[in-house]
C-alpha atoms as a PDB file:
ATOM      1  CA  MET A   1      85.994  87.801  74.146  1.00  0.00           C
ATOM      2  CA  ILE A   2      87.450  84.448  75.207  1.00  0.00           C
ATOM      3  CA  VAL A   3      84.752  83.637  77.793  1.00  0.00           C
ATOM      4  CA  LYS A   4      82.005  83.861  75.159  1.00  0.00           C
ATOM      5  CA  GLN A   5      83.894  81.705  72.685  1.00  0.00           C
ATOM      6  CA  HIS A   6      84.443  78.960  75.229  1.00  0.00           C
ATOM      7  CA  SER A   7      81.346  79.403  77.394  1.00  0.00           C
ATOM      8  CA  ARG A   8      80.096  75.920  76.480  1.00  0.00           C
ATOM      9  CA  LEU A   9      83.108  74.534  78.331  1.00  0.00           C
ATOM     10  CA  PHE A  10      82.733  76.682  81.399  1.00  0.00           C
ATOM     11  CA  LEU A  11      80.759  74.293  83.635  1.00  0.00           C
ATOM     12  CA  GLU A  12      82.910  71.368  82.575  1.00  0.00           C
ATOM     13  CA  LEU A  13      86.126  73.242  83.319  1.00  0.00           C
ATOM     14  CA  THR A  14      85.014  74.780  86.604  1.00  0.00           C
ATOM     15  CA  VAL A  15      83.934  71.392  87.955  1.00  0.00           C
ATOM     16  CA  ALA A  16      87.271  69.963  86.779  1.00  0.00           C
ATOM     17  CA  THR A  17      88.978  72.771  88.694  1.00  0.00           C
ATOM     18  CA  HIS A  18      86.962  71.847  91.791  1.00  0.00           C
ATOM     19  CA  ASP A  19      88.015  68.195  91.407  1.00  0.00           C
ATOM     20  CA  MET A  20      91.650  69.223  91.013  1.00  0.00           C
ATOM     21  CA  CYS A  21      91.452  71.264  94.228  1.00  0.00           C
ATOM     22  CA  GLU A  22      90.034  68.230  96.028  1.00  0.00           C
ATOM     23  CA  ARG A  23      92.913  66.059  94.779  1.00  0.00           C
ATOM     24  CA  ILE A  24      95.457  68.670  95.840  1.00  0.00           C
ATOM     25  CA  GLU A  25      94.007  68.759  99.353  1.00  0.00           C
ATOM     26  CA  ALA A  26      93.802  64.954  99.523  1.00  0.00           C
ATOM     27  CA  ALA A  27      97.513  64.837  98.692  1.00  0.00           C
ATOM     28  CA  ASN A  28      98.244  67.156 101.662  1.00  0.00           C
ATOM     29  CA  LYS A  29      99.363  69.933  99.340  1.00  0.00           C
ATOM     30  CA  GLY A  30      96.721  72.462 100.350  1.00  0.00           C
ATOM     31  CA  TYR A  31      99.419  75.138 100.535  1.00  0.00           C
ATOM     32  CA  LEU A  32      99.297  75.230  96.719  1.00  0.00           C
ATOM     33  CA  LEU A  33      95.789  76.662  96.980  1.00  0.00           C
ATOM     34  CA  GLN A  34      96.760  79.463  99.306  1.00  0.00           C
ATOM     35  CA  GLY A  35      95.033  82.633  98.144  1.00  0.00           C
ATOM     36  CA  PHE A  36      92.659  80.732  95.839  1.00  0.00           C
ATOM     37  CA  ASN A  37      89.039  81.605  96.614  1.00  0.00           C
ATOM     38  CA  ARG A  38      87.268  78.221  96.784  1.00  0.00           C
ATOM     39  CA  GLU A  39      83.990  79.834  97.837  1.00  0.00           C
ATOM     40  CA  LYS A  40      83.981  81.939  94.664  1.00  0.00           C
ATOM     41  CA  LEU A  41      84.631  78.776  92.640  1.00  0.00           C
ATOM     42  CA  GLU A  42      81.630  77.065  94.289  1.00  0.00           C
ATOM     43  CA  GLN A  43      79.426  80.076  93.500  1.00  0.00           C
ATOM     44  CA  THR A  44      80.659  80.116  89.915  1.00  0.00           C
ATOM     45  CA  ILE A  45      79.862  76.425  89.456  1.00  0.00           C
ATOM     46  CA  GLU A  46      76.319  76.875  90.746  1.00  0.00           C
ATOM     47  CA  LYS A  47      75.736  79.968  88.642  1.00  0.00           C
ATOM     48  CA  ARG A  48      77.091  78.290  85.520  1.00  0.00           C
ATOM     49  CA  ALA A  49      74.968  75.153  86.040  1.00  0.00           C
ATOM     50  CA  ASP A  50      71.871  77.358  86.040  1.00  0.00           C
ATOM     51  CA  TYR A  51      73.004  79.608  83.196  1.00  0.00           C
ATOM     52  CA  GLN A  52      73.978  76.773  80.882  1.00  0.00           C
ATOM     53  CA  LEU A  53      70.319  75.725  80.693  1.00  0.00           C
ATOM     54  CA  ASN A  54      69.809  78.785  78.454  1.00  0.00           C
ATOM     55  CA  GLY A  55      71.295  76.650  75.696  1.00  0.00           C
ATOM     56  CA  PHE A  56      69.015  73.645  76.207  1.00  0.00           C
ATOM     57  CA  PHE A  57      66.427  72.716  73.577  1.00  0.00           C
ATOM     58  CA  TYR A  58      63.361  72.282  75.736  1.00  0.00           C
ATOM     59  CA  PRO A  59      60.413  70.781  73.811  1.00  0.00           C
ATOM     60  CA  GLU A  60      58.664  74.163  73.973  1.00  0.00           C
ATOM     61  CA  LEU A  61      61.548  75.706  72.056  1.00  0.00           C
ATOM     62  CA  ALA A  62      62.369  72.823  69.729  1.00  0.00           C
ATOM     63  CA  MET A  63      58.791  72.744  68.371  1.00  0.00           C
ATOM     64  CA  TYR A  64      59.497  75.938  66.414  1.00  0.00           C
ATOM     65  CA  TYR A  65      62.238  74.309  64.333  1.00  0.00           C
ATOM     66  CA  LYS A  66      62.068  72.194  61.178  1.00  0.00           C
ATOM     67  CA  ASN A  67      62.717  68.841  62.862  1.00  0.00           C
ATOM     68  CA  PRO A  68      61.940  69.184  66.588  1.00  0.00           C
ATOM     69  CA  ALA A  69      62.496  65.511  67.426  1.00  0.00           C
ATOM     70  CA  ARG A  70      66.027  65.724  66.096  1.00  0.00           C
ATOM     71  CA  ILE A  71      67.103  68.603  68.332  1.00  0.00           C
ATOM     72  CA  MET A  72      64.875  68.232  71.396  1.00  0.00           C
ATOM     73  CA  HIS A  73      66.793  67.716  74.655  1.00  0.00           C
ATOM     74  CA  SER A  74      69.989  68.795  72.963  1.00  0.00           C
ATOM     75  CA  PHE A  75      72.088  71.912  73.467  1.00  0.00           C
ATOM     76  CA  PHE A  76      72.740  74.884  71.240  1.00  0.00           C
ATOM     77  CA  ILE A  77      74.993  77.919  71.226  1.00  0.00           C
ATOM     78  CA  ARG A  78      72.752  80.978  71.416  1.00  0.00           C
ATOM     79  CA  HIS A  79      75.377  83.506  70.339  1.00  0.00           C
ATOM     80  CA  HIS A  80      76.088  81.430  67.193  1.00  0.00           C
ATOM     81  CA  SER A  81      72.537  81.540  65.757  1.00  0.00           C
ATOM     82  CA  PHE A  82      71.361  78.518  67.768  1.00  0.00           C
ATOM     83  CA  ARG A  83      74.096  76.353  66.302  1.00  0.00           C
ATOM     84  CA  VAL A  84      74.069  72.679  67.299  1.00  0.00           C
ATOM     85  CA  ARG A  85      77.291  70.705  66.987  1.00  0.00           C
ATOM     86  CA  ILE A  86      78.158  67.374  68.491  1.00  0.00           C
ATOM     87  CA  ASP A  87      81.154  68.763  70.380  1.00  0.00           C
ATOM     88  CA  ASP A  88      79.005  71.504  71.937  1.00  0.00           C
ATOM     89  CA  VAL A  89      76.445  68.927  73.027  1.00  0.00           C
ATOM     90  CA  GLU A  90      79.196  66.692  74.416  1.00  0.00           C
ATOM     91  CA  HIS A  91      80.748  69.490  76.461  1.00  0.00           C
ATOM     92  CA  ASN A  92      77.393  70.491  77.912  1.00  0.00           C
ATOM     93  CA  ILE A  93      76.493  66.918  78.832  1.00  0.00           C
ATOM     94  CA  SER A  94      79.953  66.267  80.223  1.00  0.00           C
ATOM     95  CA  GLY A  95      79.718  69.389  82.365  1.00  0.00           C
ATOM     96  CA  TYR A  96      76.358  68.344  83.784  1.00  0.00           C
ATOM     97  CA  CYS A  97      77.580  64.773  84.407  1.00  0.00           C
ATOM     98  CA  ARG A  98      80.545  66.094  86.383  1.00  0.00           C
ATOM     99  CA  TYR A  99      78.247  68.508  88.211  1.00  0.00           C
ATOM    100  CA  LEU A 100      75.842  65.687  89.103  1.00  0.00           C
ATOM    101  CA  ASN A 101      78.711  63.534  90.379  1.00  0.00           C
ATOM    102  CA  ARG A 102      79.915  66.454  92.469  1.00  0.00           C
ATOM    103  CA  ILE A 103      76.585  67.231  94.125  1.00  0.00           C
ATOM    104  CA  THR A 104      75.734  63.576  94.774  1.00  0.00           C
ATOM    105  CA  ALA A 105      79.164  62.410  95.934  1.00  0.00           C
ATOM    106  CA  ASN A 106      78.232  62.443  99.624  1.00  0.00           C
ATOM    107  CA  LEU A 107      74.810  60.834  99.271  1.00  0.00           C
ATOM    108  CA  PRO A 108      74.316  57.375 100.800  1.00  0.00           C
ATOM    109  CA  GLU A 109      74.405  54.510  98.291  1.00  0.00           C
ATOM    110  CA  LYS A 110      70.776  53.634  99.000  1.00  0.00           C
ATOM    111  CA  LYS A 111      69.693  57.138  98.010  1.00  0.00           C
ATOM    112  CA  LYS A 112      71.800  56.971  94.826  1.00  0.00           C
ATOM    113  CA  GLU A 113      70.157  53.677  93.865  1.00  0.00           C
ATOM    114  CA  LYS A 114      66.737  55.207  94.391  1.00  0.00           C
ATOM    115  CA  MET A 115      67.735  58.093  92.110  1.00  0.00           C
ATOM    116  CA  HIS A 116      69.111  55.592  89.527  1.00  0.00           C
ATOM    117  CA  LEU A 117      72.610  57.063  89.699  1.00  0.00           C
END
């Protein structure tokens, strides 16, 4: 199943799709999105941001492994025997960075500074 094989990319790609839709609308080419369900995309992004935390090495999980400090706060692929690879970690972090940028885009600068963004 393709979705399972590339699930680590799902948040990253759905947020990229959201950004692309924004650029299309900003270029006054909204007609290209006719029939595309933006609300469903928004729901998918939110659902994926929550779900992707299933692959996060919380300290309470990492402590059961040989070298907890090495994997703590990293990401793993559950359906590949808790595999940890640098590209998987990068895609997860990249997805969350894009997600954070998306949900904080309309915040005032003062608030962003307070949040250290």
